[in-house]
Amino acid sequence: MYSPSDFRDDRPVMICAGNRGGAIVPATMPLQPLGPALRRWRALNRVKQSHVAELIGVAQSTISRWECGTQDMDPEQRAQVEALV
């Protein structure tokens, strides 16, 4: 999963609890993209991009760009999408 080169002295680490004690992972792990999860949620619930856009307060084209991965979400918008998904 992670190699020793992923951990440098100048970067913080965090210990995650697991079945075998704890795993050391970089504290600055990248956020997982929510676009594919949003698209899957919409497909399963038969919700249009325009409806999600209205709920979050953005344009339909913004939802499309999030799902395609061409635009990142703001932290507030990310929290709203996480609540939906």
N, C-alpha and C. Protein backbone atom coordinates (compact mmCIF):
# COMPACT_ATOMS: atom_id res chain seq x y z
N MET A 1 0.83 -1.18 0.00
CA MET A 1 0.00 0.00 0.00
C MET A 1 0.88 1.25 0.00
N TYR A 2 1.66 1.48 1.04
CA TYR A 2 2.57 2.60 1.10
C TYR A 2 3.99 2.07 1.24
N SER A 3 4.92 2.74 0.63
CA SER A 3 6.32 2.34 0.75
C SER A 3 7.03 3.28 1.72
N PRO A 4 8.20 2.88 2.21
CA PRO A 4 8.92 3.75 3.15
C PRO A 4 9.24 5.12 2.57
N SER A 5 9.34 5.22 1.26
CA SER A 5 9.64 6.53 0.66
C SER A 5 8.46 7.50 0.78
N ASP A 6 7.27 6.98 1.09
CA ASP A 6 6.10 7.85 1.28
C ASP A 6 6.18 8.64 2.59
N PHE A 7 7.05 8.21 3.48
CA PHE A 7 7.15 8.84 4.79
C PHE A 7 8.48 9.57 4.89
N ARG A 8 8.39 10.85 5.01
CA ARG A 8 9.58 11.68 5.19
C ARG A 8 9.51 12.30 6.58
N ASP A 9 10.64 12.68 7.09
CA ASP A 9 10.68 13.26 8.43
C ASP A 9 9.90 14.56 8.53
N ASP A 10 9.77 15.29 7.42
CA ASP A 10 9.10 16.59 7.47
C ASP A 10 7.59 16.50 7.28
N ARG A 11 7.07 15.31 7.01
CA ARG A 11 5.63 15.17 6.81
C ARG A 11 4.99 14.49 8.01
N PRO A 12 3.82 14.99 8.47
CA PRO A 12 3.16 14.35 9.61
C PRO A 12 2.57 13.01 9.20
N VAL A 13 2.43 12.12 10.16
CA VAL A 13 1.79 10.83 9.93
C VAL A 13 0.66 10.67 10.93
N MET A 14 -0.24 9.75 10.62
CA MET A 14 -1.33 9.47 11.54
C MET A 14 -1.45 7.97 11.63
N ILE A 15 -1.84 7.49 12.79
CA ILE A 15 -1.98 6.05 13.00
C ILE A 15 -3.46 5.72 12.95
N CYS A 16 -3.81 4.80 12.06
CA CYS A 16 -5.20 4.39 11.89
C CYS A 16 -5.40 3.06 12.59
N ALA A 17 -6.43 2.96 13.40
CA ALA A 17 -6.73 1.72 14.09
C ALA A 17 -7.26 0.70 13.09
N GLY A 18 -6.89 -0.51 13.26
CA GLY A 18 -7.35 -1.58 12.39
C GLY A 18 -7.45 -2.88 13.16
N ASN A 19 -7.65 -3.97 12.47
CA ASN A 19 -7.77 -5.27 13.11
C ASN A 19 -6.47 -5.71 13.75
N ARG A 20 -5.35 -5.25 13.22
CA ARG A 20 -4.05 -5.70 13.70
C ARG A 20 -3.31 -4.59 14.43
N GLY A 21 -4.01 -3.77 15.15
CA GLY A 21 -3.34 -2.69 15.87
C GLY A 21 -3.54 -1.39 15.13
N GLY A 22 -2.48 -0.87 14.57
CA GLY A 22 -2.58 0.39 13.86
C GLY A 22 -1.70 0.40 12.64
N ALA A 23 -2.10 1.12 11.64
CA ALA A 23 -1.31 1.26 10.41
C ALA A 23 -0.87 2.71 10.32
N ILE A 24 0.36 2.90 9.95
CA ILE A 24 0.87 4.26 9.81
C ILE A 24 0.69 4.68 8.36
N VAL A 25 -0.02 5.76 8.16
CA VAL A 25 -0.28 6.29 6.82
C VAL A 25 0.02 7.77 6.82
N PRO A 26 0.32 8.34 5.66
CA PRO A 26 0.56 9.78 5.63
C PRO A 26 -0.68 10.55 6.08
N ALA A 27 -0.49 11.59 6.88
CA ALA A 27 -1.61 12.38 7.37
C ALA A 27 -2.23 13.21 6.26
N THR A 28 -1.51 13.41 5.19
CA THR A 28 -2.02 14.23 4.09
C THR A 28 -2.46 13.34 2.93
N MET A 29 -3.28 12.35 3.24
CA MET A 29 -3.78 11.47 2.20
C MET A 29 -4.70 12.25 1.28
N PRO A 30 -4.63 12.03 -0.02
CA PRO A 30 -5.51 12.76 -0.93
C PRO A 30 -6.96 12.32 -0.75
N LEU A 31 -7.87 13.26 -0.96
CA LEU A 31 -9.29 12.95 -0.86
C LEU A 31 -9.71 12.09 -2.03
N GLN A 32 -10.58 11.14 -1.77
CA GLN A 32 -11.09 10.28 -2.83
C GLN A 32 -12.04 11.09 -3.70
N PRO A 33 -11.98 10.89 -5.00
CA PRO A 33 -12.90 11.64 -5.87
C PRO A 33 -14.34 11.21 -5.64
N LEU A 34 -15.21 12.19 -5.50
CA LEU A 34 -16.63 11.91 -5.26
C LEU A 34 -17.44 11.88 -6.54
N GLY A 35 -16.86 12.34 -7.64
CA GLY A 35 -17.59 12.38 -8.90
C GLY A 35 -18.20 11.04 -9.31
N PRO A 36 -17.38 9.97 -9.36
CA PRO A 36 -17.95 8.67 -9.73
C PRO A 36 -19.00 8.17 -8.74
N ALA A 37 -18.81 8.45 -7.46
CA ALA A 37 -19.80 8.05 -6.46
C ALA A 37 -21.10 8.82 -6.65
N LEU A 38 -20.98 10.10 -6.98
CA LEU A 38 -22.17 10.91 -7.23
C LEU A 38 -22.92 10.39 -8.45
N ARG A 39 -22.19 10.08 -9.51
CA ARG A 39 -22.83 9.55 -10.72
C ARG A 39 -23.54 8.23 -10.43
N ARG A 40 -22.89 7.35 -9.66
CA ARG A 40 -23.48 6.06 -9.32
C ARG A 40 -24.74 6.26 -8.47
N TRP A 41 -24.67 7.18 -7.49
CA TRP A 41 -25.82 7.47 -6.64
C TRP A 41 -26.99 7.99 -7.47
N ARG A 42 -26.68 8.89 -8.42
CA ARG A 42 -27.74 9.44 -9.27
C ARG A 42 -28.39 8.35 -10.10
N ALA A 43 -27.57 7.45 -10.66
CA ALA A 43 -28.10 6.38 -11.51
C ALA A 43 -28.99 5.43 -10.70
N LEU A 44 -28.54 5.09 -9.50
CA LEU A 44 -29.32 4.17 -8.67
C LEU A 44 -30.63 4.79 -8.20
N ASN A 45 -30.62 6.09 -7.97
CA ASN A 45 -31.81 6.78 -7.47
C ASN A 45 -32.59 7.52 -8.55
N ARG A 46 -32.14 7.39 -9.79
CA ARG A 46 -32.80 8.02 -10.94
C ARG A 46 -33.00 9.53 -10.73
N VAL A 47 -31.90 10.17 -10.38
CA VAL A 47 -31.90 11.62 -10.14
C VAL A 47 -31.11 12.29 -11.24
N LYS A 48 -31.65 13.36 -11.79
CA LYS A 48 -30.97 14.09 -12.86
C LYS A 48 -29.91 15.03 -12.29
N GLN A 49 -28.92 15.35 -13.12
CA GLN A 49 -27.89 16.30 -12.72
C GLN A 49 -28.50 17.64 -12.34
N SER A 50 -29.52 18.06 -13.07
CA SER A 50 -30.14 19.36 -12.80
C SER A 50 -30.78 19.39 -11.42
N HIS A 51 -31.33 18.26 -10.96
CA HIS A 51 -31.95 18.23 -9.64
C HIS A 51 -30.88 18.31 -8.55
N VAL A 52 -29.78 17.57 -8.71
CA VAL A 52 -28.68 17.64 -7.75
C VAL A 52 -28.10 19.05 -7.71
N ALA A 53 -27.97 19.66 -8.89
CA ALA A 53 -27.44 21.02 -8.97
C ALA A 53 -28.33 21.99 -8.20
N GLU A 54 -29.63 21.82 -8.31
CA GLU A 54 -30.57 22.68 -7.59
C GLU A 54 -30.45 22.48 -6.08
N LEU A 55 -30.28 21.23 -5.66
CA LEU A 55 -30.14 20.94 -4.23
C LEU A 55 -28.89 21.57 -3.63
N ILE A 56 -27.80 21.53 -4.39
CA ILE A 56 -26.51 22.02 -3.89
C ILE A 56 -26.33 23.51 -4.15
N GLY A 57 -27.01 24.02 -5.15
CA GLY A 57 -26.90 25.44 -5.46
C GLY A 57 -25.82 25.76 -6.46
N VAL A 58 -25.63 24.86 -7.43
CA VAL A 58 -24.65 25.08 -8.50
C VAL A 58 -25.34 24.84 -9.84
N ALA A 59 -24.63 25.07 -10.92
CA ALA A 59 -25.18 24.83 -12.26
C ALA A 59 -25.09 23.34 -12.60
N GLN A 60 -25.94 22.91 -13.50
CA GLN A 60 -25.93 21.51 -13.96
C GLN A 60 -24.59 21.16 -14.58
N SER A 61 -23.99 22.12 -15.28
CA SER A 61 -22.69 21.85 -15.91
C SER A 61 -21.60 21.61 -14.87
N THR A 62 -21.74 22.20 -13.70
CA THR A 62 -20.77 21.96 -12.62
C THR A 62 -20.86 20.51 -12.15
N ILE A 63 -22.07 19.99 -12.02
CA ILE A 63 -22.25 18.59 -11.63
C ILE A 63 -21.59 17.69 -12.67
N SER A 64 -21.78 18.00 -13.93
CA SER A 64 -21.17 17.22 -15.00
C SER A 64 -19.64 17.22 -14.89
N ARG A 65 -19.07 18.40 -14.63
CA ARG A 65 -17.61 18.50 -14.51
C ARG A 65 -17.09 17.75 -13.29
N TRP A 66 -17.85 17.76 -12.20
CA TRP A 66 -17.45 16.98 -11.02
C TRP A 66 -17.44 15.50 -11.34
N GLU A 67 -18.49 15.04 -12.00
CA GLU A 67 -18.59 13.61 -12.31
C GLU A 67 -17.52 13.16 -13.29
N CYS A 68 -17.12 14.04 -14.19
CA CYS A 68 -16.07 13.72 -15.16
C CYS A 68 -14.67 13.89 -14.57
N GLY A 69 -14.58 14.60 -13.45
CA GLY A 69 -13.29 14.82 -12.82
C GLY A 69 -12.52 15.99 -13.37
N THR A 70 -13.17 16.86 -14.14
CA THR A 70 -12.47 18.01 -14.70
C THR A 70 -12.49 19.22 -13.78
N GLN A 71 -13.28 19.17 -12.71
CA GLN A 71 -13.35 20.27 -11.75
C GLN A 71 -13.46 19.69 -10.36
N ASP A 72 -12.73 20.28 -9.41
CA ASP A 72 -12.79 19.85 -8.02
C ASP A 72 -13.90 20.60 -7.28
N MET A 73 -14.38 19.98 -6.22
CA MET A 73 -15.42 20.59 -5.40
C MET A 73 -14.80 21.45 -4.32
N ASP A 74 -15.51 22.51 -3.94
CA ASP A 74 -15.13 23.29 -2.77
C ASP A 74 -15.43 22.44 -1.54
N PRO A 75 -14.77 22.71 -0.40
CA PRO A 75 -15.04 21.91 0.80
C PRO A 75 -16.50 21.91 1.23
N GLU A 76 -17.19 23.05 1.11
CA GLU A 76 -18.61 23.10 1.48
C GLU A 76 -19.45 22.22 0.55
N GLN A 77 -19.15 22.32 -0.74
CA GLN A 77 -19.89 21.52 -1.72
C GLN A 77 -19.59 20.04 -1.54
N ARG A 78 -18.34 19.72 -1.23
CA ARG A 78 -17.95 18.33 -1.00
C ARG A 78 -18.74 17.75 0.16
N ALA A 79 -18.91 18.54 1.23
CA ALA A 79 -19.68 18.08 2.39
C ALA A 79 -21.14 17.83 2.00
N GLN A 80 -21.70 18.68 1.17
CA GLN A 80 -23.09 18.50 0.73
C GLN A 80 -23.22 17.23 -0.11
N VAL A 81 -22.28 16.99 -1.00
CA VAL A 81 -22.32 15.79 -1.84
C VAL A 81 -22.13 14.54 -0.98
N GLU A 82 -21.22 14.59 -0.02
CA GLU A 82 -21.02 13.45 0.87
C GLU A 82 -22.28 13.12 1.64
N ALA A 83 -23.05 14.15 2.01
CA ALA A 83 -24.31 13.91 2.72
C ALA A 83 -25.33 13.21 1.81
N LEU A 84 -25.32 13.55 0.52
CA LEU A 84 -26.22 12.90 -0.44
C LEU A 84 -25.83 11.45 -0.68
N VAL A 85 -24.55 11.26 -0.93
CA VAL A 85 -24.05 9.94 -1.30
C VAL A 85 -23.88 9.12 -0.06
